[in-house]
Amino acid sequence: MLAVVVRADRAGLDAVAARPGVRAVHAAPAGVTAREPAIAPLLPGQTERADPLPDDGVVPS
């Protein structure tokens, strides 16, 4: 599974995060609708942190 959207309180999100195979849990601010969050998959190498990738690629001319 790539991603799932759930509605839960902090304890519920902590329980999801503790499940085997769950790599990340991102809590959206209160009041956000299901259509508003931007969901981006983690890359295979992102095992400890999901920082933005470096912006050091070739600039097209």
N, C-alpha and C. Protein backbone atom coordinates (compact mmCIF):
# COMPACT_ATOMS: atom_id res chain seq x y z
N MET A 1 0.85 -1.17 0.00
CA MET A 1 0.00 0.00 0.00
C MET A 1 0.90 1.24 0.00
N LEU A 2 0.54 2.21 -0.77
CA LEU A 2 1.34 3.43 -0.86
C LEU A 2 0.97 4.43 0.22
N ALA A 3 -0.32 4.70 0.38
CA ALA A 3 -0.74 5.69 1.37
C ALA A 3 -2.19 5.42 1.76
N VAL A 4 -2.52 5.88 2.95
CA VAL A 4 -3.89 5.79 3.43
C VAL A 4 -4.17 7.06 4.23
N VAL A 5 -5.37 7.58 4.10
CA VAL A 5 -5.77 8.77 4.85
C VAL A 5 -6.71 8.31 5.95
N VAL A 6 -6.38 8.70 7.19
CA VAL A 6 -7.22 8.33 8.33
C VAL A 6 -7.55 9.57 9.14
N ARG A 7 -8.64 9.51 9.85
CA ARG A 7 -9.00 10.56 10.81
C ARG A 7 -8.86 9.93 12.18
N ALA A 8 -8.04 10.54 13.02
CA ALA A 8 -7.81 9.98 14.34
C ALA A 8 -7.24 11.05 15.26
N ASP A 9 -7.35 10.80 16.55
CA ASP A 9 -6.71 11.68 17.52
C ASP A 9 -5.24 11.28 17.64
N ARG A 10 -4.51 11.95 18.49
CA ARG A 10 -3.07 11.69 18.62
C ARG A 10 -2.78 10.24 18.98
N ALA A 11 -3.55 9.68 19.90
CA ALA A 11 -3.33 8.29 20.30
C ALA A 11 -3.56 7.34 19.13
N GLY A 12 -4.57 7.63 18.32
CA GLY A 12 -4.84 6.80 17.15
C GLY A 12 -3.73 6.87 16.13
N LEU A 13 -3.19 8.08 15.90
CA LEU A 13 -2.09 8.24 14.95
C LEU A 13 -0.83 7.56 15.47
N ASP A 14 -0.59 7.64 16.78
CA ASP A 14 0.55 6.95 17.38
C ASP A 14 0.42 5.43 17.19
N ALA A 15 -0.80 4.92 17.32
CA ALA A 15 -1.02 3.49 17.14
C ALA A 15 -0.75 3.08 15.69
N VAL A 16 -1.18 3.90 14.74
CA VAL A 16 -0.90 3.61 13.33
C VAL A 16 0.61 3.64 13.09
N ALA A 17 1.29 4.64 13.62
CA ALA A 17 2.73 4.78 13.42
C ALA A 17 3.50 3.59 14.00
N ALA A 18 2.98 2.96 15.03
CA ALA A 18 3.66 1.84 15.69
C ALA A 18 3.48 0.51 14.96
N ARG A 19 2.61 0.47 13.96
CA ARG A 19 2.35 -0.79 13.26
C ARG A 19 3.54 -1.18 12.38
N PRO A 20 3.82 -2.46 12.28
CA PRO A 20 4.90 -2.92 11.41
C PRO A 20 4.66 -2.49 9.96
N GLY A 21 5.69 -2.03 9.30
CA GLY A 21 5.58 -1.65 7.89
C GLY A 21 5.20 -0.20 7.65
N VAL A 22 4.74 0.50 8.69
CA VAL A 22 4.39 1.90 8.52
C VAL A 22 5.67 2.73 8.59
N ARG A 23 5.94 3.47 7.52
CA ARG A 23 7.19 4.23 7.45
C ARG A 23 7.03 5.67 7.89
N ALA A 24 5.84 6.22 7.79
CA ALA A 24 5.64 7.62 8.16
C ALA A 24 4.17 7.88 8.45
N VAL A 25 3.93 8.80 9.35
CA VAL A 25 2.59 9.30 9.63
C VAL A 25 2.69 10.82 9.63
N HIS A 26 1.88 11.46 8.83
CA HIS A 26 1.89 12.92 8.75
C HIS A 26 0.51 13.42 9.19
N ALA A 27 0.48 14.21 10.24
CA ALA A 27 -0.79 14.75 10.75
C ALA A 27 -1.07 16.09 10.10
N ALA A 28 -2.22 16.20 9.47
CA ALA A 28 -2.64 17.47 8.87
C ALA A 28 -3.26 18.35 9.95
N PRO A 29 -3.25 19.65 9.74
CA PRO A 29 -3.88 20.55 10.72
C PRO A 29 -5.38 20.28 10.86
N ALA A 30 -5.92 20.59 12.00
CA ALA A 30 -7.35 20.42 12.24
C ALA A 30 -8.15 21.22 11.21
N GLY A 31 -9.24 20.65 10.76
CA GLY A 31 -10.12 21.35 9.83
C GLY A 31 -9.80 21.13 8.36
N VAL A 32 -8.71 20.43 8.06
CA VAL A 32 -8.35 20.17 6.67
C VAL A 32 -9.28 19.10 6.11
N THR A 33 -9.79 19.32 4.90
CA THR A 33 -10.66 18.33 4.29
C THR A 33 -9.82 17.24 3.63
N ALA A 34 -10.44 16.13 3.29
CA ALA A 34 -9.73 14.99 2.70
C ALA A 34 -9.11 15.33 1.35
N ARG A 35 -9.58 16.35 0.67
CA ARG A 35 -9.05 16.72 -0.65
C ARG A 35 -7.88 17.69 -0.58
N GLU A 36 -7.61 18.27 0.57
CA GLU A 36 -6.59 19.32 0.67
C GLU A 36 -5.15 18.85 0.85
N PRO A 37 -4.88 17.79 1.60
CA PRO A 37 -3.47 17.45 1.83
C PRO A 37 -2.75 17.03 0.55
N ALA A 38 -1.49 17.38 0.46
CA ALA A 38 -0.63 16.90 -0.63
C ALA A 38 0.15 15.71 -0.08
N ILE A 39 -0.01 14.57 -0.71
CA ILE A 39 0.64 13.35 -0.24
C ILE A 39 1.73 12.97 -1.22
N ALA A 40 2.95 12.83 -0.73
CA ALA A 40 4.07 12.42 -1.56
C ALA A 40 4.68 11.16 -0.97
N PRO A 41 4.93 10.16 -1.81
CA PRO A 41 5.50 8.92 -1.28
C PRO A 41 6.94 9.11 -0.84
N LEU A 42 7.36 8.32 0.14
CA LEU A 42 8.75 8.31 0.56
C LEU A 42 9.57 7.54 -0.47
N LEU A 43 10.78 7.99 -0.71
CA LEU A 43 11.67 7.26 -1.59
C LEU A 43 12.27 6.09 -0.81
N PRO A 44 12.69 5.03 -1.49
CA PRO A 44 13.25 3.87 -0.78
C PRO A 44 14.41 4.23 0.15
N GLY A 45 15.21 5.20 -0.22
CA GLY A 45 16.36 5.58 0.61
C GLY A 45 15.99 6.42 1.83
N GLN A 46 14.76 6.88 1.92
CA GLN A 46 14.33 7.70 3.04
C GLN A 46 13.84 6.78 4.16
N THR A 47 14.78 6.30 4.96
CA THR A 47 14.42 5.35 6.02
C THR A 47 14.46 5.99 7.40
N GLU A 48 15.22 7.04 7.57
CA GLU A 48 15.31 7.71 8.87
C GLU A 48 14.53 9.02 8.89
N ARG A 49 14.66 9.79 7.82
CA ARG A 49 14.00 11.10 7.72
C ARG A 49 13.47 11.29 6.31
N ALA A 50 12.48 12.13 6.17
CA ALA A 50 11.91 12.43 4.85
C ALA A 50 12.14 13.89 4.51
N ASP A 51 13.40 14.29 4.54
CA ASP A 51 13.75 15.66 4.20
C ASP A 51 13.58 15.89 2.70
N PRO A 52 13.41 17.15 2.29
CA PRO A 52 13.36 17.43 0.84
C PRO A 52 14.66 17.00 0.19
N LEU A 53 14.55 16.58 -1.04
CA LEU A 53 15.72 16.17 -1.80
C LEU A 53 16.56 17.41 -2.15
N PRO A 54 17.87 17.24 -2.33
CA PRO A 54 18.70 18.38 -2.69
C PRO A 54 18.30 18.94 -4.05
N ASP A 55 18.40 20.23 -4.17
CA ASP A 55 18.05 20.92 -5.42
C ASP A 55 19.34 21.25 -6.16
N ASP A 56 20.08 20.20 -6.56
CA ASP A 56 21.37 20.42 -7.18
C ASP A 56 21.47 19.77 -8.56
N GLY A 57 20.33 19.54 -9.17
CA GLY A 57 20.32 18.92 -10.50
C GLY A 57 20.69 19.92 -11.59
N VAL A 58 20.84 19.39 -12.79
CA VAL A 58 21.17 20.20 -13.95
C VAL A 58 19.99 21.09 -14.27
N VAL A 59 20.28 22.36 -14.57
CA VAL A 59 19.24 23.31 -14.93
C VAL A 59 19.10 23.27 -16.46
N PRO A 60 17.91 22.95 -16.97
CA PRO A 60 17.74 22.91 -18.44
C PRO A 60 17.94 24.30 -19.04
N SER A 61 18.52 24.33 -20.22
CA SER A 61 18.73 25.63 -20.87
C SER A 61 17.70 25.89 -21.93
